[in-house]
Amino acid sequence: EREGDLGAQIAACHTGAERLREVCARYGLQRTHQAARELLDYSEEMMREFLKRVPPGSYRAEDFLDNDGISQKPIRLAVEITFGRDRGRGRPPHTSVVRVDFTGSDPQVAGSVNAVEAITYSACFYVFRCLLREDVPATTGLMRPIHLIAPP
């Protein structure tokens, strides 16, 4: 089952690479790069527009996994999400930014329930993507105003 899933993912990557080559051949590399940059920028702008409607402030939550499958000790997951305004990086005043901070979560455990930073990033991406309209492209541009802190 997993081998078939992995094979399907590899095939999808090959198909995507082929389609990208076709786009580059049709429109040229420079125009394709420009379109990709604009798509990332558009996604970022849509996220920033959404974040402008969220009042500045911090929100905290914590939960616990029952255990890691090896020890019977509960595993603490903590997050503080801070909505603020970005006045740096050449952006106009009142541009929204978010900090998602997992400091305070338990450190790595022996069982197989640990999440590397990429998994944590993906989970945050998914949550914030779900806050936007369906027609907003799901690109990494969405995460530009969102700063993730994931201690080891």
Foldseek 3Di string as FASTA:
>chain_A
DVVVVVVVVVVVVVVVVVVVVVVCVVPNDVVSVVVVVVLLQQLLVQLQVVLLPPDFDKDKDKDWDCDQVPDRDIWIWIWIKTWDWDPDPPDHTSRIAIEIERPPTDDDDPHDPDDDPVRVVVVVLVVSVVVGDPPRDSDCSSCPRYHYHDDD
